[in-house]
N, C-alpha and C. Protein backbone atom coordinates (compact mmCIF):
# COMPACT_ATOMS: atom_id res chain seq x y z
N MET A 1 -27.57 15.25 -9.08
CA MET A 1 -26.55 14.52 -8.35
C MET A 1 -25.26 15.34 -8.40
N ASN A 2 -24.66 15.50 -7.25
CA ASN A 2 -23.43 16.27 -7.15
C ASN A 2 -22.26 15.31 -6.95
N LEU A 3 -21.38 15.23 -7.95
CA LEU A 3 -20.22 14.34 -7.89
C LEU A 3 -18.94 15.16 -7.83
N ILE A 4 -18.07 14.78 -6.89
CA ILE A 4 -16.74 15.39 -6.79
C ILE A 4 -15.73 14.25 -6.77
N LEU A 5 -14.76 14.32 -7.65
CA LEU A 5 -13.67 13.35 -7.66
C LEU A 5 -12.45 14.01 -7.02
N TYR A 6 -12.10 13.51 -5.84
CA TYR A 6 -10.89 13.98 -5.16
C TYR A 6 -9.75 13.13 -5.69
N LYS A 7 -8.72 13.80 -6.22
CA LYS A 7 -7.67 13.06 -6.93
C LYS A 7 -6.35 13.79 -6.90
N SER A 8 -5.36 13.12 -7.44
CA SER A 8 -4.04 13.69 -7.65
C SER A 8 -3.76 13.66 -9.15
N ALA A 9 -2.97 14.59 -9.60
CA ALA A 9 -2.64 14.65 -11.03
C ALA A 9 -1.78 13.47 -11.47
N VAL A 10 -1.10 12.82 -10.54
CA VAL A 10 -0.17 11.74 -10.91
C VAL A 10 -0.66 10.35 -10.49
N CYS A 11 -1.82 10.25 -9.91
CA CYS A 11 -2.36 8.98 -9.42
C CYS A 11 -2.95 8.17 -10.58
N PRO A 12 -2.41 6.98 -10.88
CA PRO A 12 -2.93 6.20 -12.00
C PRO A 12 -4.37 5.71 -11.77
N GLN A 13 -4.72 5.36 -10.53
CA GLN A 13 -6.09 4.94 -10.25
C GLN A 13 -7.07 6.10 -10.44
N CYS A 14 -6.63 7.30 -10.09
CA CYS A 14 -7.47 8.49 -10.26
C CYS A 14 -7.77 8.71 -11.74
N LYS A 15 -6.77 8.51 -12.58
CA LYS A 15 -6.96 8.69 -14.02
C LYS A 15 -7.95 7.68 -14.57
N VAL A 16 -7.91 6.45 -14.07
CA VAL A 16 -8.85 5.41 -14.52
C VAL A 16 -10.28 5.77 -14.11
N ILE A 17 -10.46 6.19 -12.86
CA ILE A 17 -11.79 6.56 -12.38
C ILE A 17 -12.32 7.76 -13.15
N LYS A 18 -11.48 8.75 -13.39
CA LYS A 18 -11.90 9.92 -14.16
C LYS A 18 -12.35 9.50 -15.55
N ALA A 19 -11.60 8.65 -16.21
CA ALA A 19 -11.95 8.19 -17.55
C ALA A 19 -13.28 7.43 -17.55
N LYS A 20 -13.51 6.61 -16.54
CA LYS A 20 -14.77 5.86 -16.46
C LYS A 20 -15.96 6.80 -16.26
N LEU A 21 -15.79 7.80 -15.40
CA LEU A 21 -16.87 8.78 -15.19
C LEU A 21 -17.17 9.53 -16.49
N GLU A 22 -16.12 9.94 -17.19
CA GLU A 22 -16.31 10.66 -18.44
C GLU A 22 -16.96 9.78 -19.50
N LYS A 23 -16.54 8.52 -19.59
CA LYS A 23 -17.08 7.60 -20.59
C LYS A 23 -18.59 7.39 -20.40
N LYS A 24 -19.02 7.35 -19.15
CA LYS A 24 -20.45 7.17 -18.87
C LYS A 24 -21.22 8.48 -18.97
N GLY A 25 -20.52 9.59 -19.13
CA GLY A 25 -21.18 10.88 -19.33
C GLY A 25 -21.54 11.62 -18.06
N PHE A 26 -20.94 11.24 -16.93
CA PHE A 26 -21.22 11.95 -15.69
C PHE A 26 -20.59 13.32 -15.69
N THR A 27 -21.29 14.28 -15.12
CA THR A 27 -20.75 15.60 -14.88
C THR A 27 -20.22 15.60 -13.45
N PHE A 28 -18.96 15.99 -13.29
CA PHE A 28 -18.36 15.97 -11.97
C PHE A 28 -17.32 17.06 -11.86
N THR A 29 -16.99 17.39 -10.63
CA THR A 29 -15.96 18.36 -10.32
C THR A 29 -14.72 17.59 -9.89
N GLU A 30 -13.56 18.05 -10.34
CA GLU A 30 -12.30 17.47 -9.90
C GLU A 30 -11.70 18.37 -8.83
N GLU A 31 -11.27 17.76 -7.75
CA GLU A 31 -10.63 18.52 -6.67
C GLU A 31 -9.23 17.99 -6.45
N LEU A 32 -8.26 18.89 -6.60
CA LEU A 32 -6.85 18.53 -6.43
C LEU A 32 -6.22 19.16 -5.19
N ASP A 33 -6.91 20.09 -4.57
CA ASP A 33 -6.35 20.86 -3.45
C ASP A 33 -6.39 20.02 -2.16
N VAL A 34 -5.22 19.71 -1.63
CA VAL A 34 -5.11 18.89 -0.43
C VAL A 34 -5.82 19.53 0.76
N ASN A 35 -5.75 20.85 0.87
CA ASN A 35 -6.41 21.54 1.98
C ASN A 35 -7.93 21.37 1.91
N VAL A 36 -8.48 21.44 0.71
CA VAL A 36 -9.92 21.23 0.54
C VAL A 36 -10.28 19.78 0.86
N MET A 37 -9.43 18.86 0.41
CA MET A 37 -9.69 17.44 0.67
C MET A 37 -9.75 17.17 2.17
N THR A 38 -8.73 17.59 2.90
CA THR A 38 -8.69 17.31 4.33
C THR A 38 -9.84 18.01 5.07
N ALA A 39 -10.20 19.19 4.63
CA ALA A 39 -11.31 19.92 5.24
C ALA A 39 -12.63 19.16 5.04
N ASN A 40 -12.72 18.36 3.98
CA ASN A 40 -13.93 17.59 3.70
C ASN A 40 -13.82 16.13 4.15
N GLY A 41 -12.79 15.81 4.92
CA GLY A 41 -12.64 14.48 5.47
C GLY A 41 -12.02 13.46 4.55
N VAL A 42 -11.43 13.91 3.46
CA VAL A 42 -10.81 13.00 2.50
C VAL A 42 -9.36 12.75 2.89
N ASN A 43 -9.00 11.48 3.09
CA ASN A 43 -7.61 11.16 3.41
C ASN A 43 -7.06 10.06 2.51
N HIS A 44 -7.77 9.78 1.43
CA HIS A 44 -7.36 8.73 0.50
C HIS A 44 -7.80 9.14 -0.91
N ILE A 45 -6.96 8.87 -1.89
CA ILE A 45 -7.36 9.14 -3.27
C ILE A 45 -7.25 7.86 -4.09
N PRO A 46 -8.08 7.69 -5.07
CA PRO A 46 -9.22 8.54 -5.38
C PRO A 46 -10.34 8.36 -4.36
N THR A 47 -11.09 9.42 -4.18
CA THR A 47 -12.32 9.40 -3.40
C THR A 47 -13.39 10.05 -4.25
N LEU A 48 -14.55 9.42 -4.28
CA LEU A 48 -15.68 9.98 -5.01
C LEU A 48 -16.72 10.41 -4.01
N SER A 49 -17.12 11.66 -4.09
CA SER A 49 -18.19 12.18 -3.25
C SER A 49 -19.46 12.19 -4.08
N VAL A 50 -20.48 11.49 -3.59
CA VAL A 50 -21.78 11.44 -4.25
C VAL A 50 -22.77 12.11 -3.32
N ASP A 51 -23.17 13.32 -3.68
CA ASP A 51 -24.08 14.11 -2.84
C ASP A 51 -23.60 14.16 -1.39
N GLY A 52 -22.28 14.30 -1.22
CA GLY A 52 -21.69 14.45 0.10
C GLY A 52 -21.27 13.15 0.77
N GLU A 53 -21.68 12.00 0.22
CA GLU A 53 -21.27 10.71 0.77
C GLU A 53 -19.97 10.29 0.12
N LEU A 54 -18.94 10.03 0.94
CA LEU A 54 -17.62 9.70 0.42
C LEU A 54 -17.49 8.21 0.16
N ILE A 55 -17.00 7.88 -1.03
CA ILE A 55 -16.68 6.50 -1.39
C ILE A 55 -15.17 6.47 -1.60
N THR A 56 -14.47 5.71 -0.77
CA THR A 56 -13.00 5.73 -0.81
C THR A 56 -12.38 4.46 -1.35
N ASP A 57 -13.10 3.36 -1.31
CA ASP A 57 -12.56 2.09 -1.77
C ASP A 57 -12.66 2.01 -3.29
N LEU A 58 -11.55 1.69 -3.94
CA LEU A 58 -11.49 1.65 -5.40
C LEU A 58 -12.53 0.70 -5.99
N ARG A 59 -12.69 -0.47 -5.40
CA ARG A 59 -13.70 -1.42 -5.90
C ARG A 59 -15.10 -0.86 -5.75
N THR A 60 -15.37 -0.19 -4.65
CA THR A 60 -16.69 0.38 -4.43
C THR A 60 -16.96 1.54 -5.39
N ILE A 61 -15.95 2.34 -5.68
CA ILE A 61 -16.11 3.41 -6.66
C ILE A 61 -16.44 2.82 -8.03
N ASN A 62 -15.69 1.80 -8.44
CA ASN A 62 -15.95 1.16 -9.72
C ASN A 62 -17.35 0.55 -9.77
N LYS A 63 -17.76 -0.08 -8.68
CA LYS A 63 -19.10 -0.67 -8.61
C LYS A 63 -20.16 0.42 -8.74
N TRP A 64 -19.96 1.53 -8.05
CA TRP A 64 -20.93 2.64 -8.12
C TRP A 64 -21.05 3.13 -9.56
N ILE A 65 -19.93 3.34 -10.23
CA ILE A 65 -19.95 3.82 -11.61
C ILE A 65 -20.68 2.82 -12.50
N ASN A 66 -20.38 1.54 -12.34
CA ASN A 66 -21.01 0.52 -13.17
C ASN A 66 -22.51 0.40 -12.94
N GLU A 67 -22.96 0.68 -11.73
CA GLU A 67 -24.38 0.51 -11.38
C GLU A 67 -25.23 1.75 -11.61
N HIS A 68 -24.64 2.88 -11.94
CA HIS A 68 -25.41 4.12 -12.08
C HIS A 68 -25.31 4.66 -13.50
N GLU A 69 -26.34 5.37 -13.85
CA GLU A 69 -26.42 6.02 -15.16
C GLU A 69 -26.57 7.52 -14.93
N VAL A 70 -26.26 8.28 -15.96
CA VAL A 70 -26.45 9.73 -15.91
C VAL A 70 -27.95 10.01 -15.85
N GLU A 71 -28.35 10.87 -14.93
CA GLU A 71 -29.76 11.22 -14.79
C GLU A 71 -30.19 12.10 -15.97
N ALA A 72 -31.34 11.81 -16.51
CA ALA A 72 -31.88 12.61 -17.62
C ALA A 72 -32.42 13.92 -17.08
N ASN A 73 -32.17 14.99 -17.80
CA ASN A 73 -32.72 16.30 -17.41
C ASN A 73 -34.15 16.39 -17.90
N GLY A 74 -34.98 17.01 -17.07
CA GLY A 74 -36.30 17.29 -17.57
C GLY A 74 -37.38 16.79 -16.75
């Protein structure tokens, strides 16, 4: 699973989502570059990209985190 968290360094909601992802043990990439965000269709933060599918609504991001577990390797 490829996760990218599009965020800002000063966004309080972004910090909460990042902490939740880390607490559950997800491996993800953080993207702060506005040019990269707009090139990928991101116009709202936080946005979570799950295998290329963008989740922009804060409630939906939280729901996704709560409903998913880290995939076991092997």
